C-alpha atoms as a PDB file:
ATOM      1  CA  UNK A   1      11.648 -23.960  21.929  1.00  0.00           C
ATOM      2  CA  UNK A   2       9.524 -24.427  24.988  1.00  0.00           C
ATOM      3  CA  UNK A   3       8.267 -21.316  26.982  1.00  0.00           C
ATOM      4  CA  UNK A   4       6.154 -21.736  29.937  1.00  0.00           C
ATOM      5  CA  UNK A   5       6.056 -25.388  29.791  1.00  0.00           C
ATOM      6  CA  UNK A   6       4.264 -25.300  26.216  1.00  0.00           C
ATOM      7  CA  UNK A   7       5.973 -25.741  22.821  1.00  0.00           C
ATOM      8  CA  UNK A   8       6.131 -22.221  21.421  1.00  0.00           C
ATOM      9  CA  UNK A   9       8.432 -22.700  18.385  1.00  0.00           C
ATOM     10  CA  UNK A  10       9.126 -25.837  16.280  1.00  0.00           C
ATOM     11  CA  UNK A  11      11.620 -24.680  13.568  1.00  0.00           C
ATOM     12  CA  UNK A  12      15.234 -25.213  12.484  1.00  0.00           C
ATOM     13  CA  UNK A  13      17.771 -23.045  14.288  1.00  0.00           C
ATOM     14  CA  UNK A  14      18.948 -21.563  10.782  1.00  0.00           C
ATOM     15  CA  UNK A  15      15.453 -20.448  10.125  1.00  0.00           C
ATOM     16  CA  UNK A  16      14.935 -18.923  13.684  1.00  0.00           C
ATOM     17  CA  UNK A  17      18.209 -16.834  13.689  1.00  0.00           C
ATOM     18  CA  UNK A  18      18.613 -15.167  10.342  1.00  0.00           C
ATOM     19  CA  UNK A  19      19.511 -14.360   7.042  1.00  0.00           C
ATOM     20  CA  UNK A  20      16.222 -12.363   6.531  1.00  0.00           C
ATOM     21  CA  UNK A  21      17.908  -8.968   6.784  1.00  0.00           C
ATOM     22  CA  UNK A  22      20.786  -7.968   4.486  1.00  0.00           C
ATOM     23  CA  UNK A  23      22.500  -4.429   5.108  1.00  0.00           C
ATOM     24  CA  UNK A  24      24.071  -2.964   1.916  1.00  0.00           C
ATOM     25  CA  UNK A  25      25.621   0.532   1.174  1.00  0.00           C
ATOM     26  CA  UNK A  26      26.997   1.565  -2.103  1.00  0.00           C
ATOM     27  CA  UNK A  27      27.706   4.996  -3.802  1.00  0.00           C
ATOM     28  CA  UNK A  28      24.828   5.977  -6.069  1.00  0.00           C
ATOM     29  CA  UNK A  29      21.748   8.059  -6.275  1.00  0.00           C
ATOM     30  CA  UNK A  30      19.678   6.872  -3.080  1.00  0.00           C
ATOM     31  CA  UNK A  31      16.394   6.880  -4.802  1.00  0.00           C
ATOM     32  CA  UNK A  32      17.842   4.958  -7.901  1.00  0.00           C
ATOM     33  CA  UNK A  33      19.739   2.530  -5.497  1.00  0.00           C
ATOM     34  CA  UNK A  34      16.570   1.967  -3.611  1.00  0.00           C
ATOM     35  CA  UNK A  35      14.352   1.214  -6.565  1.00  0.00           C
ATOM     36  CA  UNK A  36      16.946  -1.277  -8.121  1.00  0.00           C
ATOM     37  CA  UNK A  37      17.347  -3.035  -4.741  1.00  0.00           C
ATOM     38  CA  UNK A  38      13.613  -3.418  -4.409  1.00  0.00           C
ATOM     39  CA  UNK A  39      13.382  -5.212  -7.688  1.00  0.00           C
ATOM     40  CA  UNK A  40      15.846  -7.871  -6.819  1.00  0.00           C
ATOM     41  CA  UNK A  41      14.029 -11.299  -6.597  1.00  0.00           C
ATOM     42  CA  UNK A  42      13.209 -12.094  -2.823  1.00  0.00           C
ATOM     43  CA  UNK A  43      13.410  -8.589  -1.469  1.00  0.00           C
ATOM     44  CA  UNK A  44      10.288  -7.811   0.268  1.00  0.00           C
ATOM     45  CA  UNK A  45      11.021  -4.463   1.659  1.00  0.00           C
ATOM     46  CA  UNK A  46      13.874  -1.874   1.463  1.00  0.00           C
ATOM     47  CA  UNK A  47      14.432   0.471   4.328  1.00  0.00           C
ATOM     48  CA  UNK A  48      17.040   3.394   4.056  1.00  0.00           C
ATOM     49  CA  UNK A  49      19.321   3.693   7.333  1.00  0.00           C
ATOM     50  CA  UNK A  50      22.224   6.044   8.030  1.00  0.00           C
ATOM     51  CA  UNK A  51      25.685   4.521   8.381  1.00  0.00           C
ATOM     52  CA  UNK A  52      29.262   6.031   8.808  1.00  0.00           C
ATOM     53  CA  UNK A  53      29.413   6.794   5.028  1.00  0.00           C
ATOM     54  CA  UNK A  54      25.968   8.218   4.688  1.00  0.00           C
ATOM     55  CA  UNK A  55      23.216   6.138   3.513  1.00  0.00           C
ATOM     56  CA  UNK A  56      22.813   2.374   3.534  1.00  0.00           C
ATOM     57  CA  UNK A  57      19.797   0.000   3.129  1.00  0.00           C
ATOM     58  CA  UNK A  58      18.459  -2.879   5.075  1.00  0.00           C
ATOM     59  CA  UNK A  59      16.733  -5.318   2.921  1.00  0.00           C
ATOM     60  CA  UNK A  60      13.971  -7.668   4.333  1.00  0.00           C
ATOM     61  CA  UNK A  61      14.121 -10.952   2.356  1.00  0.00           C
ATOM     62  CA  UNK A  62      10.928 -12.902   1.940  1.00  0.00           C
ATOM     63  CA  UNK A  63      12.707 -15.926   2.981  1.00  0.00           C
ATOM     64  CA  UNK A  64      16.306 -16.558   4.087  1.00  0.00           C
ATOM     65  CA  UNK A  65      18.527 -17.268   1.190  1.00  0.00           C
ATOM     66  CA  UNK A  66      21.933 -16.377  -0.263  1.00  0.00           C
ATOM     67  CA  UNK A  67      21.632 -13.092  -2.007  1.00  0.00           C
ATOM     68  CA  UNK A  68      24.961 -11.275  -1.636  1.00  0.00           C
ATOM     69  CA  UNK A  69      26.393 -12.442  -4.975  1.00  0.00           C
ATOM     70  CA  UNK A  70      23.264 -11.054  -6.646  1.00  0.00           C
ATOM     71  CA  UNK A  71      23.735  -7.674  -4.710  1.00  0.00           C
ATOM     72  CA  UNK A  72      27.376  -7.575  -5.610  1.00  0.00           C
ATOM     73  CA  UNK A  73      26.789  -8.094  -9.331  1.00  0.00           C
ATOM     74  CA  UNK A  74      24.104  -5.389  -9.257  1.00  0.00           C
ATOM     75  CA  UNK A  75      26.588  -2.993  -7.741  1.00  0.00           C
ATOM     76  CA  UNK A  76      29.288  -3.793 -10.368  1.00  0.00           C
ATOM     77  CA  UNK A  77      26.586  -3.615 -13.143  1.00  0.00           C
ATOM     78  CA  UNK A  78      25.516  -0.206 -12.039  1.00  0.00           C
ATOM     79  CA  UNK A  79      29.008   1.021 -11.519  1.00  0.00           C
ATOM     80  CA  UNK A  80      28.141   1.793  -7.901  1.00  0.00           C
ATOM     81  CA  UNK A  81      30.978   1.169  -5.261  1.00  0.00           C
ATOM     82  CA  UNK A  82      30.009  -1.229  -2.663  1.00  0.00           C
ATOM     83  CA  UNK A  83      30.944  -0.131   0.848  1.00  0.00           C
ATOM     84  CA  UNK A  84      29.026  -2.427   3.098  1.00  0.00           C
ATOM     85  CA  UNK A  85      27.409  -5.906   2.496  1.00  0.00           C
ATOM     86  CA  UNK A  86      26.373  -7.939   5.652  1.00  0.00           C
ATOM     87  CA  UNK A  87      23.760 -10.523   6.558  1.00  0.00           C
ATOM     88  CA  UNK A  88      22.237  -9.683   9.813  1.00  0.00           C
ATOM     89  CA  UNK A  89      21.587 -12.664  12.060  1.00  0.00           C
ATOM     90  CA  UNK A  90      19.747 -12.876  15.404  1.00  0.00           C
ATOM     91  CA  UNK A  91      21.189 -14.767  18.283  1.00  0.00           C
ATOM     92  CA  UNK A  92      19.009 -17.536  19.915  1.00  0.00           C
ATOM     93  CA  UNK A  93      18.914 -15.493  22.988  1.00  0.00           C
ATOM     94  CA  UNK A  94      17.158 -12.663  20.859  1.00  0.00           C
ATOM     95  CA  UNK A  95      14.793 -15.175  19.516  1.00  0.00           C
ATOM     96  CA  UNK A  96      14.016 -16.632  22.836  1.00  0.00           C
ATOM     97  CA  UNK A  97      13.288 -13.122  24.177  1.00  0.00           C
ATOM     98  CA  UNK A  98      10.919 -12.384  21.214  1.00  0.00           C
ATOM     99  CA  UNK A  99       9.109 -15.672  21.518  1.00  0.00           C
ATOM    100  CA  UNK A 100       8.748 -15.138  25.332  1.00  0.00           C
ATOM    101  CA  UNK A 101       7.279 -11.676  24.906  1.00  0.00           C
ATOM    102  CA  UNK A 102       4.836 -12.938  22.247  1.00  0.00           C
ATOM    103  CA  UNK A 103       3.765 -15.921  24.580  1.00  0.00           C
ATOM    104  CA  UNK A 104       3.421 -13.507  27.527  1.00  0.00           C
ATOM    105  CA  UNK A 105       6.342 -14.997  29.456  1.00  0.00           C
ATOM    106  CA  UNK A 106       9.020 -12.812  30.980  1.00  0.00           C
ATOM    107  CA  UNK A 107      12.701 -13.431  29.517  1.00  0.00           C
END
């Protein structure tokens, strides 16, 4: 990605747009759910957010990878009904805006 005539980012598109945030909501004790989610391999941080059903969690992954199967298995093993599971992806436009802002350009 070139910003202001300079190479600003040299990465694969898949690495730029996402897979690093996973939103999950399941019925269970919020503190216990957060603790179990933070113990999943590759999860760097767990943030509680509100959704239509109450509480959900945004998981920041250390690196983009397929983790939804693991999270589903955790919900089943704990007996927590899963109500939401989605990988959040950024658009290339969002990435360009972020890079432009960091590089001091206007997007």
